Amino acid sequence: MRKINIHCRKDRKGLRMTYTPTGDSKSLVLQGVTIACPYCKEARSLHNMTEEEFLGKVVGDKFFI
């Protein structure tokens, strides 16, 4: 099973979160979840991003939010 690590795009540090794809390309990803980076203190969230769009932005096994 593939796991995608989530990293901060500003300082490139890992946020100790992973996402496991469900296989449904039209389902919304991390809807209603706000992620705060403990290093740079910025809070970010994904709005209306489908799993297909999410997987398109993955670099290797990392997603930069």
Protein backbone atom coordinates (compact mmCIF):
# COMPACT_ATOMS: atom_id res chain seq x y z
CA MET A 1 0.00 0.00 0.00
CA ARG A 2 1.31 3.43 -0.99
CA LYS A 3 1.70 6.13 1.66
CA ILE A 4 2.31 9.78 0.83
CA ASN A 5 4.17 11.93 3.35
CA ILE A 6 2.99 15.52 3.79
CA HIS A 7 5.63 18.26 4.03
CA CYS A 8 5.61 22.04 4.46
CA ARG A 9 6.33 23.76 1.15
CA LYS A 10 7.92 26.80 2.83
CA ASP A 11 10.64 25.12 4.89
CA ARG A 12 10.49 21.60 3.35
CA LYS A 13 10.16 19.86 6.72
CA GLY A 14 8.01 16.81 7.31
CA LEU A 15 4.74 17.33 9.16
CA ARG A 16 4.61 13.73 10.46
CA MET A 17 1.42 13.09 8.49
CA THR A 18 0.76 10.53 5.79
CA TYR A 19 -2.07 10.06 3.33
CA THR A 20 -3.10 6.68 1.94
CA PRO A 21 -4.89 6.91 -1.43
CA THR A 22 -8.36 5.35 -1.53
CA GLY A 23 -8.46 4.69 -5.27
CA ASP A 24 -11.53 6.90 -5.84
CA SER A 25 -10.24 9.72 -8.06
CA LYS A 26 -13.29 11.95 -7.49
CA SER A 27 -13.31 11.89 -3.67
CA LEU A 28 -12.19 15.02 -1.82
CA VAL A 29 -8.88 14.85 0.02
CA LEU A 30 -8.39 16.10 3.62
CA GLN A 31 -11.62 18.08 3.50
CA GLY A 32 -12.11 20.25 6.59
CA VAL A 33 -8.60 19.59 7.92
CA THR A 34 -6.29 22.49 8.76
CA ILE A 35 -2.60 21.60 8.99
CA ALA A 36 -0.25 23.85 10.96
CA CYS A 37 3.50 23.60 10.51
CA PRO A 38 5.24 23.48 13.91
CA TYR A 39 8.37 25.07 12.43
CA CYS A 40 7.14 28.13 10.50
CA LYS A 41 3.75 28.36 12.30
CA GLU A 42 1.73 28.72 9.07
CA ALA A 43 -1.65 27.02 8.87
CA ARG A 44 -2.86 25.59 5.57
CA SER A 45 -5.82 23.59 4.33
CA LEU A 46 -6.92 21.99 1.08
CA HIS A 47 -10.17 23.25 -0.45
CA ASN A 48 -12.10 21.12 -2.96
CA MET A 49 -9.05 19.12 -4.07
CA THR A 50 -9.87 15.71 -5.48
CA GLU A 51 -7.62 12.71 -5.03
CA GLU A 52 -6.71 12.85 -8.72
CA GLU A 53 -5.44 16.45 -8.34
CA PHE A 54 -3.68 15.55 -5.09
CA LEU A 55 -1.82 12.63 -6.66
CA GLY A 56 -0.87 14.82 -9.63
CA LYS A 57 1.06 17.14 -7.28
CA VAL A 58 2.96 14.39 -5.46
CA VAL A 59 6.74 14.45 -5.93
CA GLY A 60 8.18 10.99 -5.31
CA ASP A 61 6.34 10.04 -2.13
CA LYS A 62 5.99 13.63 -0.82
CA PHE A 63 3.19 16.19 -1.05
CA PHE A 64 4.12 19.79 -0.24
CA ILE A 65 1.27 21.76 1.30
